[in-house]
Amino acid sequence: MPVLESERLILRLGDPKDIDSIIHYFTVNQAYLQPFEPQRPDNFLTPGYWAAELEARRQDAVQKRSLKLFIFEQAAPAVVIGAINLNNMIWGVFQAATLGYSLAAAKQRQGYMSEAGSQLIRYGFEVLNLHRIMANYMPHNQRSANVLKRLGFEIEGTAKDYLFINGGWQDHVLTSRINPDWRLNHS
C-alpha cells in the first residue's frame, strides 16, 4: 500500500493503531466539517466502526476501487490532521476517479491541502495511470475552489442537487484535471 510523503506531510491508509487518532480528528472537527460532509452513521465515532472501515478501505485499495488516505504531519506522524481520497475509481474506457478531502480546522490556511493534493494527484497519474481526476465543491465553498484551482483543476459546469450533504441536496461545481502523460499500455 502506498505511503506518500512530501516535505511536511505523510499520506497513508489508516491502520488499527490510528483508530483513536481518527476518532479524535472527526470528533474535534465535527462542527467544522458538518456543512461539507454527508450524514454519518450513528456508530461513526466508535472503534468498532473504524476497525471495519479500515479493513474495507484496505480491500478497496487492493482492488483499485478507491484509495482513502489519512494526512499526518511529518513532525507528528501519529496524529491525523486530515483525509484525502481517490473515490469511485472506474477503469476500462473511463480511467477516472473523484478526489475528496477534508482538513482539520486548526490546520487551515497553511497550504497542507494543496501539498497533500499534489502528492495524491501525482500518484493517481504516474502510478495508477488515471486519465482523469474529478473534484466537486459546493458553490459557497471558496476555500475548496481555491485549492482545486491551485491544483490545476478546471471548471466544467454545475450540477443541480448533486450530493446529499448536511441534510439536503446541494448543488456542486464540477471540475477535473486530465493526465497529460496518460499511457495506453501502462503496466
N, C-alpha and C. Protein backbone atom coordinates (compact mmCIF):
# COMPACT_ATOMS: atom_id res chain seq x y z
N MET A 1 0.83 -1.17 0.00
CA MET A 1 0.00 0.00 0.00
C MET A 1 0.89 1.25 0.00
N PRO A 2 0.45 2.25 -0.73
CA PRO A 2 1.32 3.43 -0.86
C PRO A 2 1.40 4.25 0.44
N VAL A 3 2.56 4.78 0.67
CA VAL A 3 2.78 5.81 1.66
C VAL A 3 3.39 6.96 0.89
N LEU A 4 2.68 8.07 0.82
CA LEU A 4 3.13 9.23 0.05
C LEU A 4 3.67 10.27 1.02
N GLU A 5 4.85 10.79 0.71
CA GLU A 5 5.47 11.77 1.59
C GLU A 5 5.83 13.02 0.82
N SER A 6 5.66 14.14 1.50
CA SER A 6 6.09 15.43 0.97
C SER A 6 6.96 16.08 2.04
N GLU A 7 7.32 17.31 1.84
CA GLU A 7 8.20 17.99 2.79
C GLU A 7 7.62 17.99 4.21
N ARG A 8 6.31 18.23 4.32
CA ARG A 8 5.71 18.36 5.64
C ARG A 8 4.72 17.26 6.01
N LEU A 9 4.33 16.43 5.03
CA LEU A 9 3.20 15.52 5.24
C LEU A 9 3.51 14.07 4.92
N ILE A 10 2.71 13.20 5.52
CA ILE A 10 2.68 11.78 5.21
C ILE A 10 1.21 11.45 4.90
N LEU A 11 0.97 10.78 3.78
CA LEU A 11 -0.37 10.33 3.39
C LEU A 11 -0.32 8.81 3.35
N ARG A 12 -1.20 8.17 4.12
CA ARG A 12 -1.22 6.71 4.14
C ARG A 12 -2.58 6.20 4.59
N LEU A 13 -2.83 4.92 4.28
CA LEU A 13 -4.02 4.26 4.81
C LEU A 13 -3.93 4.24 6.33
N GLY A 14 -5.05 4.27 6.97
CA GLY A 14 -5.06 4.10 8.41
C GLY A 14 -4.89 2.64 8.77
N ASP A 15 -4.39 2.40 9.95
CA ASP A 15 -4.34 1.03 10.45
C ASP A 15 -4.85 1.03 11.89
N PRO A 16 -5.03 -0.14 12.49
CA PRO A 16 -5.67 -0.19 13.82
C PRO A 16 -5.04 0.72 14.87
N LYS A 17 -3.75 0.94 14.82
CA LYS A 17 -3.13 1.82 15.82
C LYS A 17 -3.54 3.27 15.66
N ASP A 18 -4.15 3.63 14.52
CA ASP A 18 -4.58 5.01 14.27
C ASP A 18 -6.02 5.28 14.69
N ILE A 19 -6.75 4.27 15.14
CA ILE A 19 -8.18 4.44 15.38
C ILE A 19 -8.47 5.57 16.37
N ASP A 20 -7.75 5.64 17.47
CA ASP A 20 -8.01 6.71 18.44
C ASP A 20 -7.77 8.09 17.81
N SER A 21 -6.73 8.21 17.02
CA SER A 21 -6.43 9.50 16.37
C SER A 21 -7.49 9.85 15.32
N ILE A 22 -7.97 8.85 14.59
CA ILE A 22 -9.02 9.08 13.59
C ILE A 22 -10.30 9.57 14.28
N ILE A 23 -10.69 8.89 15.34
CA ILE A 23 -11.89 9.29 16.07
C ILE A 23 -11.71 10.70 16.65
N HIS A 24 -10.53 10.98 17.16
CA HIS A 24 -10.25 12.32 17.70
C HIS A 24 -10.39 13.38 16.60
N TYR A 25 -9.83 13.11 15.44
CA TYR A 25 -9.91 14.06 14.31
C TYR A 25 -11.36 14.37 13.96
N PHE A 26 -12.17 13.34 13.79
CA PHE A 26 -13.56 13.57 13.40
C PHE A 26 -14.39 14.16 14.54
N THR A 27 -14.05 13.87 15.79
CA THR A 27 -14.77 14.44 16.93
C THR A 27 -14.47 15.93 17.08
N VAL A 28 -13.19 16.27 17.10
CA VAL A 28 -12.78 17.67 17.28
C VAL A 28 -13.27 18.55 16.13
N ASN A 29 -13.32 17.99 14.93
CA ASN A 29 -13.67 18.78 13.74
C ASN A 29 -15.11 18.57 13.27
N GLN A 30 -15.92 17.91 14.07
CA GLN A 30 -17.28 17.56 13.66
C GLN A 30 -18.09 18.78 13.25
N ALA A 31 -18.12 19.81 14.04
CA ALA A 31 -18.91 21.00 13.70
C ALA A 31 -18.33 21.72 12.48
N TYR A 32 -17.02 21.74 12.37
CA TYR A 32 -16.37 22.41 11.24
C TYR A 32 -16.66 21.68 9.92
N LEU A 33 -16.62 20.35 9.94
CA LEU A 33 -16.78 19.56 8.72
C LEU A 33 -18.24 19.32 8.34
N GLN A 34 -19.15 19.40 9.28
CA GLN A 34 -20.55 19.04 9.04
C GLN A 34 -21.17 19.72 7.83
N PRO A 35 -20.95 21.01 7.58
CA PRO A 35 -21.59 21.64 6.42
C PRO A 35 -21.13 21.09 5.07
N PHE A 36 -20.03 20.32 5.06
CA PHE A 36 -19.44 19.87 3.80
C PHE A 36 -19.48 18.36 3.60
N GLU A 37 -20.00 17.63 4.57
CA GLU A 37 -19.92 16.17 4.51
C GLU A 37 -21.29 15.52 4.60
N PRO A 38 -21.39 14.28 4.11
CA PRO A 38 -22.66 13.54 4.23
C PRO A 38 -22.93 13.18 5.68
N GLN A 39 -24.16 12.83 5.95
CA GLN A 39 -24.53 12.37 7.28
C GLN A 39 -23.79 11.07 7.57
N ARG A 40 -23.28 10.95 8.76
CA ARG A 40 -22.51 9.77 9.17
C ARG A 40 -23.40 8.79 9.92
N PRO A 41 -23.06 7.49 9.87
CA PRO A 41 -23.83 6.51 10.66
C PRO A 41 -23.69 6.79 12.16
N ASP A 42 -24.63 6.31 12.93
CA ASP A 42 -24.64 6.56 14.38
C ASP A 42 -23.37 6.05 15.07
N ASN A 43 -22.78 5.00 14.56
CA ASN A 43 -21.59 4.41 15.20
C ASN A 43 -20.27 4.93 14.61
N PHE A 44 -20.33 6.02 13.85
CA PHE A 44 -19.16 6.54 13.13
C PHE A 44 -17.97 6.83 14.05
N LEU A 45 -18.23 7.29 15.24
CA LEU A 45 -17.14 7.68 16.15
C LEU A 45 -16.82 6.57 17.16
N THR A 46 -16.92 5.32 16.72
CA THR A 46 -16.62 4.19 17.61
C THR A 46 -15.46 3.37 17.06
N PRO A 47 -14.68 2.76 17.95
CA PRO A 47 -13.59 1.90 17.49
C PRO A 47 -14.07 0.75 16.60
N GLY A 48 -15.23 0.18 16.89
CA GLY A 48 -15.74 -0.92 16.07
C GLY A 48 -16.00 -0.50 14.64
N TYR A 49 -16.59 0.67 14.47
CA TYR A 49 -16.83 1.18 13.12
C TYR A 49 -15.51 1.31 12.38
N TRP A 50 -14.53 1.93 13.01
CA TRP A 50 -13.27 2.21 12.32
C TRP A 50 -12.44 0.95 12.08
N ALA A 51 -12.54 -0.04 12.93
CA ALA A 51 -11.83 -1.31 12.67
C ALA A 51 -12.36 -1.91 11.37
N ALA A 52 -13.67 -1.95 11.21
CA ALA A 52 -14.27 -2.49 9.98
C ALA A 52 -13.99 -1.58 8.79
N GLU A 53 -14.09 -0.29 8.98
CA GLU A 53 -13.88 0.67 7.90
C GLU A 53 -12.44 0.61 7.37
N LEU A 54 -11.48 0.52 8.24
CA LEU A 54 -10.08 0.46 7.80
C LEU A 54 -9.80 -0.80 6.98
N GLU A 55 -10.40 -1.92 7.38
CA GLU A 55 -10.24 -3.14 6.59
C GLU A 55 -10.92 -3.00 5.23
N ALA A 56 -12.09 -2.39 5.19
CA ALA A 56 -12.78 -2.17 3.91
C ALA A 56 -11.96 -1.25 3.02
N ARG A 57 -11.36 -0.24 3.59
CA ARG A 57 -10.52 0.68 2.81
C ARG A 57 -9.29 -0.03 2.25
N ARG A 58 -8.71 -0.91 3.04
CA ARG A 58 -7.56 -1.68 2.57
C ARG A 58 -7.96 -2.55 1.38
N GLN A 59 -9.10 -3.22 1.50
CA GLN A 59 -9.59 -4.06 0.41
C GLN A 59 -9.89 -3.23 -0.84
N ASP A 60 -10.51 -2.09 -0.66
CA ASP A 60 -10.81 -1.21 -1.81
C ASP A 60 -9.52 -0.76 -2.49
N ALA A 61 -8.48 -0.48 -1.71
CA ALA A 61 -7.20 -0.07 -2.30
C ALA A 61 -6.58 -1.22 -3.09
N VAL A 62 -6.61 -2.42 -2.53
CA VAL A 62 -6.06 -3.60 -3.22
C VAL A 62 -6.80 -3.83 -4.54
N GLN A 63 -8.12 -3.69 -4.52
CA GLN A 63 -8.95 -3.93 -5.71
C GLN A 63 -9.01 -2.72 -6.65
N LYS A 64 -8.33 -1.64 -6.28
CA LYS A 64 -8.32 -0.39 -7.06
C LYS A 64 -9.72 0.17 -7.28
N ARG A 65 -10.51 0.14 -6.20
CA ARG A 65 -11.84 0.76 -6.23
C ARG A 65 -11.78 2.17 -5.66
N SER A 66 -10.88 2.37 -4.68
CA SER A 66 -10.66 3.69 -4.10
C SER A 66 -9.34 3.65 -3.34
N LEU A 67 -8.86 4.83 -3.02
CA LEU A 67 -7.66 4.97 -2.21
C LEU A 67 -7.95 6.08 -1.21
N LYS A 68 -8.22 5.69 0.03
CA LYS A 68 -8.64 6.63 1.07
C LYS A 68 -7.53 6.73 2.11
N LEU A 69 -6.85 7.87 2.09
CA LEU A 69 -5.67 8.07 2.92
C LEU A 69 -5.93 9.10 4.00
N PHE A 70 -5.21 8.96 5.08
CA PHE A 70 -5.22 9.99 6.13
C PHE A 70 -3.97 10.83 5.97
N ILE A 71 -4.06 12.06 6.43
CA ILE A 71 -2.97 13.02 6.34
C ILE A 71 -2.37 13.20 7.73
N PHE A 72 -1.06 13.07 7.80
CA PHE A 72 -0.30 13.25 9.04
C PHE A 72 0.82 14.25 8.76
N GLU A 73 1.20 15.01 9.76
CA GLU A 73 2.38 15.86 9.62
C GLU A 73 3.63 15.02 9.87
N GLN A 74 4.70 15.32 9.12
CA GLN A 74 5.97 14.64 9.36
C GLN A 74 6.40 14.80 10.81
N ALA A 75 6.14 15.97 11.39
CA ALA A 75 6.56 16.27 12.76
C ALA A 75 5.73 15.54 13.81
N ALA A 76 4.55 15.04 13.43
CA ALA A 76 3.67 14.32 14.37
C ALA A 76 2.98 13.18 13.62
N PRO A 77 3.74 12.13 13.25
CA PRO A 77 3.23 11.10 12.35
C PRO A 77 2.16 10.17 12.92
N ALA A 78 1.71 10.40 14.15
CA ALA A 78 0.65 9.57 14.71
C ALA A 78 -0.65 10.36 14.91
N VAL A 79 -0.67 11.63 14.46
CA VAL A 79 -1.84 12.49 14.68
C VAL A 79 -2.49 12.81 13.34
N VAL A 80 -3.72 12.35 13.14
CA VAL A 80 -4.46 12.61 11.91
C VAL A 80 -4.84 14.09 11.87
N ILE A 81 -4.49 14.76 10.75
CA ILE A 81 -4.89 16.16 10.57
C ILE A 81 -5.85 16.33 9.39
N GLY A 82 -6.08 15.25 8.64
CA GLY A 82 -6.98 15.35 7.51
C GLY A 82 -7.14 14.02 6.81
N ALA A 83 -7.91 14.06 5.75
CA ALA A 83 -8.15 12.87 4.93
C ALA A 83 -8.17 13.31 3.47
N ILE A 84 -7.70 12.43 2.60
CA ILE A 84 -7.72 12.72 1.17
C ILE A 84 -7.92 11.40 0.43
N ASN A 85 -8.81 11.42 -0.56
CA ASN A 85 -9.24 10.18 -1.18
C ASN A 85 -9.31 10.28 -2.70
N LEU A 86 -9.04 9.18 -3.34
CA LEU A 86 -9.45 8.97 -4.73
C LEU A 86 -10.59 7.96 -4.65
N ASN A 87 -11.81 8.43 -4.86
CA ASN A 87 -13.02 7.63 -4.72
C ASN A 87 -13.53 7.17 -6.07
N ASN A 88 -14.37 6.14 -6.04
CA ASN A 88 -15.10 5.69 -7.22
C ASN A 88 -14.20 5.51 -8.44
N MET A 89 -13.10 4.80 -8.26
CA MET A 89 -12.22 4.54 -9.40
C MET A 89 -12.96 3.68 -10.41
N ILE A 90 -12.95 4.14 -11.63
CA ILE A 90 -13.58 3.41 -12.73
C ILE A 90 -12.51 3.20 -13.80
N TRP A 91 -12.40 1.98 -14.25
CA TRP A 91 -11.35 1.63 -15.21
C TRP A 91 -11.96 1.45 -16.58
N GLY A 92 -11.44 0.62 -17.43
CA GLY A 92 -11.98 0.42 -18.77
C GLY A 92 -11.84 1.67 -19.61
N VAL A 93 -12.93 2.10 -20.21
CA VAL A 93 -12.86 3.25 -21.12
C VAL A 93 -12.88 4.59 -20.39
N PHE A 94 -13.04 4.59 -19.06
CA PHE A 94 -13.13 5.85 -18.33
C PHE A 94 -11.81 6.23 -17.65
N GLN A 95 -11.18 5.31 -16.92
CA GLN A 95 -9.88 5.54 -16.28
C GLN A 95 -9.90 6.79 -15.41
N ALA A 96 -10.84 6.85 -14.47
CA ALA A 96 -11.02 8.08 -13.70
C ALA A 96 -11.34 7.80 -12.24
N ALA A 97 -11.22 8.84 -11.43
CA ALA A 97 -11.58 8.80 -10.02
C ALA A 97 -12.02 10.19 -9.59
N THR A 98 -12.64 10.24 -8.42
CA THR A 98 -13.07 11.51 -7.86
C THR A 98 -12.26 11.81 -6.61
N LEU A 99 -11.71 13.01 -6.55
CA LEU A 99 -10.92 13.46 -5.41
C LEU A 99 -11.84 14.01 -4.33
N GLY A 100 -11.59 13.60 -3.09
CA GLY A 100 -12.30 14.14 -1.94
C GLY A 100 -11.30 14.41 -0.83
N TYR A 101 -11.62 15.37 0.05
CA TYR A 101 -10.65 15.71 1.09
C TYR A 101 -11.30 16.48 2.21
N SER A 102 -10.64 16.46 3.36
CA SER A 102 -11.01 17.30 4.50
C SER A 102 -9.74 17.58 5.29
N LEU A 103 -9.77 18.69 6.01
CA LEU A 103 -8.60 19.10 6.79
C LEU A 103 -9.09 19.71 8.10
N ALA A 104 -8.36 19.44 9.17
CA ALA A 104 -8.71 19.98 10.49
C ALA A 104 -8.84 21.50 10.44
N ALA A 105 -9.78 22.02 11.18
CA ALA A 105 -9.99 23.47 11.24
C ALA A 105 -8.71 24.19 11.67
N ALA A 106 -7.98 23.60 12.60
CA ALA A 106 -6.77 24.24 13.12
C ALA A 106 -5.61 24.22 12.12
N LYS A 107 -5.73 23.47 11.04
CA LYS A 107 -4.65 23.34 10.06
C LYS A 107 -4.95 24.09 8.76
N GLN A 108 -6.05 24.84 8.73
CA GLN A 108 -6.43 25.58 7.53
C GLN A 108 -5.42 26.70 7.25
N ARG A 109 -5.35 27.10 5.99
CA ARG A 109 -4.56 28.26 5.53
C ARG A 109 -3.05 28.10 5.75
N GLN A 110 -2.59 26.85 5.68
CA GLN A 110 -1.16 26.58 5.82
C GLN A 110 -0.60 25.86 4.59
N GLY A 111 -1.45 25.68 3.56
CA GLY A 111 -1.01 25.02 2.34
C GLY A 111 -0.99 23.51 2.41
N TYR A 112 -1.51 22.94 3.49
CA TYR A 112 -1.46 21.49 3.64
C TYR A 112 -2.29 20.75 2.59
N MET A 113 -3.47 21.26 2.28
CA MET A 113 -4.32 20.52 1.33
C MET A 113 -3.74 20.59 -0.07
N SER A 114 -3.16 21.70 -0.46
CA SER A 114 -2.50 21.78 -1.77
C SER A 114 -1.31 20.81 -1.83
N GLU A 115 -0.57 20.73 -0.74
CA GLU A 115 0.58 19.82 -0.67
C GLU A 115 0.13 18.37 -0.74
N ALA A 116 -0.89 18.02 0.03
CA ALA A 116 -1.42 16.65 0.02
C ALA A 116 -2.02 16.33 -1.34
N GLY A 117 -2.80 17.25 -1.89
CA GLY A 117 -3.42 17.04 -3.19
C GLY A 117 -2.40 16.81 -4.28
N SER A 118 -1.34 17.57 -4.27
CA SER A 118 -0.27 17.39 -5.28
C SER A 118 0.30 15.99 -5.22
N GLN A 119 0.53 15.48 -4.01
CA GLN A 119 1.10 14.14 -3.86
C GLN A 119 0.13 13.07 -4.37
N LEU A 120 -1.14 13.18 -4.00
CA LEU A 120 -2.10 12.15 -4.39
C LEU A 120 -2.38 12.21 -5.89
N ILE A 121 -2.47 13.39 -6.46
CA ILE A 121 -2.69 13.52 -7.91
C ILE A 121 -1.50 12.94 -8.66
N ARG A 122 -0.30 13.22 -8.21
CA ARG A 122 0.90 12.66 -8.85
C ARG A 122 0.82 11.13 -8.82
N TYR A 123 0.47 10.56 -7.68
CA TYR A 123 0.34 9.11 -7.57
C TYR A 123 -0.76 8.59 -8.50
N GLY A 124 -1.90 9.27 -8.51
CA GLY A 124 -3.00 8.85 -9.37
C GLY A 124 -2.64 8.85 -10.84
N PHE A 125 -1.88 9.84 -11.27
CA PHE A 125 -1.49 9.93 -12.68
C PHE A 125 -0.28 9.05 -13.00
N GLU A 126 0.76 9.12 -12.21
CA GLU A 126 2.01 8.44 -12.55
C GLU A 126 2.01 6.95 -12.21
N VAL A 127 1.39 6.57 -11.11
CA VAL A 127 1.42 5.17 -10.68
C VAL A 127 0.15 4.44 -11.11
N LEU A 128 -1.01 5.00 -10.80
CA LEU A 128 -2.26 4.35 -11.18
C LEU A 128 -2.60 4.55 -12.65
N ASN A 129 -2.01 5.56 -13.27
CA ASN A 129 -2.26 5.90 -14.67
C ASN A 129 -3.72 6.27 -14.94
N LEU A 130 -4.32 6.99 -13.98
CA LEU A 130 -5.65 7.52 -14.23
C LEU A 130 -5.58 8.55 -15.34
N HIS A 131 -6.60 8.61 -16.17
CA HIS A 131 -6.65 9.62 -17.22
C HIS A 131 -7.26 10.91 -16.71
N ARG A 132 -8.20 10.79 -15.79
CA ARG A 132 -8.97 11.95 -15.35
C ARG A 132 -9.21 11.85 -13.84
N ILE A 133 -9.02 12.97 -13.15
CA ILE A 133 -9.41 13.07 -11.74
C ILE A 133 -10.41 14.22 -11.66
N MET A 134 -11.55 13.93 -11.08
CA MET A 134 -12.61 14.92 -10.94
C MET A 134 -12.71 15.34 -9.48
N ALA A 135 -13.14 16.56 -9.24
CA ALA A 135 -13.38 17.05 -7.89
C ALA A 135 -14.53 18.05 -7.96
N ASN A 136 -15.39 17.99 -6.99
CA ASN A 136 -16.58 18.83 -7.00
C ASN A 136 -16.69 19.57 -5.67
N TYR A 137 -17.22 20.79 -5.72
CA TYR A 137 -17.36 21.56 -4.49
C TYR A 137 -18.66 22.37 -4.54
N MET A 138 -19.19 22.66 -3.36
CA MET A 138 -20.39 23.48 -3.28
C MET A 138 -20.01 24.93 -3.62
N PRO A 139 -20.86 25.62 -4.36
CA PRO A 139 -20.51 26.97 -4.83
C PRO A 139 -20.08 27.93 -3.74
N HIS A 140 -20.58 27.78 -2.53
CA HIS A 140 -20.19 28.70 -1.46
C HIS A 140 -18.88 28.31 -0.76
N ASN A 141 -18.29 27.19 -1.14
CA ASN A 141 -17.05 26.73 -0.50
C ASN A 141 -15.84 27.29 -1.27
N GLN A 142 -15.55 28.54 -1.03
CA GLN A 142 -14.47 29.21 -1.76
C GLN A 142 -13.10 28.64 -1.44
N ARG A 143 -12.89 28.16 -0.22
CA ARG A 143 -11.59 27.56 0.12
C ARG A 143 -11.32 26.33 -0.75
N SER A 144 -12.33 25.50 -0.92
CA SER A 144 -12.16 24.32 -1.75
C SER A 144 -11.94 24.72 -3.21
N ALA A 145 -12.68 25.72 -3.67
CA ALA A 145 -12.48 26.22 -5.04
C ALA A 145 -11.04 26.68 -5.24
N ASN A 146 -10.50 27.37 -4.25
CA ASN A 146 -9.12 27.88 -4.37
C ASN A 146 -8.11 26.75 -4.38
N VAL A 147 -8.32 25.73 -3.54
CA VAL A 147 -7.41 24.57 -3.52
C VAL A 147 -7.40 23.91 -4.89
N LEU A 148 -8.58 23.66 -5.43
CA LEU A 148 -8.66 22.97 -6.72
C LEU A 148 -8.03 23.80 -7.84
N LYS A 149 -8.21 25.09 -7.80
CA LYS A 149 -7.57 25.95 -8.81
C LYS A 149 -6.06 25.85 -8.70
N ARG A 150 -5.52 25.89 -7.47
CA ARG A 150 -4.07 25.75 -7.27
C ARG A 150 -3.57 24.40 -7.77
N LEU A 151 -4.41 23.37 -7.66
CA LEU A 151 -4.01 22.03 -8.10
C LEU A 151 -4.20 21.80 -9.60
N GLY A 152 -4.67 22.80 -10.32
CA GLY A 152 -4.78 22.69 -11.77
C GLY A 152 -6.09 22.14 -12.28
N PHE A 153 -7.12 22.12 -11.46
CA PHE A 153 -8.44 21.65 -11.91
C PHE A 153 -9.15 22.75 -12.67
N GLU A 154 -9.91 22.35 -13.68
CA GLU A 154 -10.66 23.29 -14.49
C GLU A 154 -12.15 23.07 -14.28
N ILE A 155 -12.90 24.17 -14.22
CA ILE A 155 -14.35 24.08 -14.04
C ILE A 155 -14.99 23.58 -15.32
N GLU A 156 -15.89 22.61 -15.17
CA GLU A 156 -16.60 22.03 -16.31
C GLU A 156 -18.09 22.37 -16.31
N GLY A 157 -18.62 22.79 -15.18
CA GLY A 157 -20.04 23.12 -15.11
C GLY A 157 -20.55 23.01 -13.70
N THR A 158 -21.87 23.05 -13.58
CA THR A 158 -22.53 22.95 -12.28
C THR A 158 -23.59 21.85 -12.35
N ALA A 159 -23.66 21.06 -11.30
CA ALA A 159 -24.67 20.01 -11.20
C ALA A 159 -25.67 20.41 -10.12
N LYS A 160 -26.94 20.46 -10.48
CA LYS A 160 -28.00 20.79 -9.53
C LYS A 160 -28.26 19.60 -8.61
N ASP A 161 -28.49 19.90 -7.33
CA ASP A 161 -28.84 18.87 -6.34
C ASP A 161 -27.95 17.63 -6.48
N TYR A 162 -26.66 17.83 -6.52
CA TYR A 162 -25.70 16.79 -6.86
C TYR A 162 -25.47 15.77 -5.75
N LEU A 163 -25.24 16.24 -4.52
CA LEU A 163 -24.97 15.34 -3.40
C LEU A 163 -25.82 15.72 -2.20
N PHE A 164 -26.19 14.72 -1.40
CA PHE A 164 -26.96 14.93 -0.18
C PHE A 164 -25.97 15.22 0.94
N ILE A 165 -25.77 16.49 1.25
CA ILE A 165 -24.77 16.95 2.21
C ILE A 165 -25.48 17.73 3.31
N ASN A 166 -25.11 17.46 4.56
CA ASN A 166 -25.60 18.23 5.70
C ASN A 166 -27.13 18.31 5.69
N GLY A 167 -27.79 17.21 5.36
CA GLY A 167 -29.24 17.13 5.45
C GLY A 167 -30.02 17.66 4.26
N GLY A 168 -29.35 17.98 3.16
CA GLY A 168 -30.07 18.48 1.99
C GLY A 168 -29.29 18.28 0.71
N TRP A 169 -30.01 18.31 -0.40
CA TRP A 169 -29.37 18.19 -1.71
C TRP A 169 -28.66 19.49 -2.04
N GLN A 170 -27.39 19.40 -2.41
CA GLN A 170 -26.56 20.58 -2.64
C GLN A 170 -26.06 20.61 -4.08
N ASP A 171 -26.14 21.79 -4.69
CA ASP A 171 -25.52 21.99 -5.99
C ASP A 171 -24.00 21.89 -5.83
N HIS A 172 -23.31 21.48 -6.89
CA HIS A 172 -21.85 21.39 -6.86
C HIS A 172 -21.27 21.91 -8.18
N VAL A 173 -20.15 22.58 -8.06
CA VAL A 173 -19.36 22.96 -9.23
C VAL A 173 -18.50 21.75 -9.58
N LEU A 174 -18.54 21.34 -10.85
CA LEU A 174 -17.80 20.17 -11.31
C LEU A 174 -16.48 20.62 -11.91
N THR A 175 -15.40 19.99 -11.48
CA THR A 175 -14.08 20.31 -12.02
C THR A 175 -13.35 19.01 -12.36
N SER A 176 -12.30 19.13 -13.16
CA SER A 176 -11.47 17.96 -13.44
C SER A 176 -10.07 18.39 -13.83
N ARG A 177 -9.20 17.41 -13.78
CA ARG A 177 -7.83 17.58 -14.27
C ARG A 177 -7.51 16.33 -15.07
N ILE A 178 -6.95 16.54 -16.26
CA ILE A 178 -6.63 15.44 -17.17
C ILE A 178 -5.14 15.14 -17.07
N ASN A 179 -4.81 13.87 -17.14
CA ASN A 179 -3.41 13.43 -17.10
C ASN A 179 -2.79 13.64 -18.48
N PRO A 180 -1.86 14.58 -18.61
CA PRO A 180 -1.27 14.85 -19.90
C PRO A 180 -0.32 13.75 -20.37
N ASP A 181 0.09 12.87 -19.45
CA ASP A 181 1.05 11.81 -19.76
C ASP A 181 0.43 10.42 -19.70
N TRP A 182 -0.90 10.34 -19.85
CA TRP A 182 -1.57 9.05 -19.77
C TRP A 182 -1.01 8.11 -20.84
N ARG A 183 -0.83 6.84 -20.48
CA ARG A 183 -0.25 5.84 -21.39
C ARG A 183 -1.23 4.69 -21.60
N LEU A 184 -1.46 4.33 -22.83
CA LEU A 184 -2.38 3.26 -23.17
C LEU A 184 -1.93 1.92 -22.60
N ASN A 185 -0.69 1.60 -22.71
CA ASN A 185 -0.20 0.28 -22.31
C ASN A 185 0.57 0.34 -21.00
N HIS A 186 0.05 1.07 -20.03
CA HIS A 186 0.68 1.19 -18.72
C HIS A 186 0.62 -0.15 -18.01
N SER A 187 1.71 -0.54 -17.38
CA SER A 187 1.70 -1.82 -16.64
C SER A 187 1.74 -1.60 -15.16
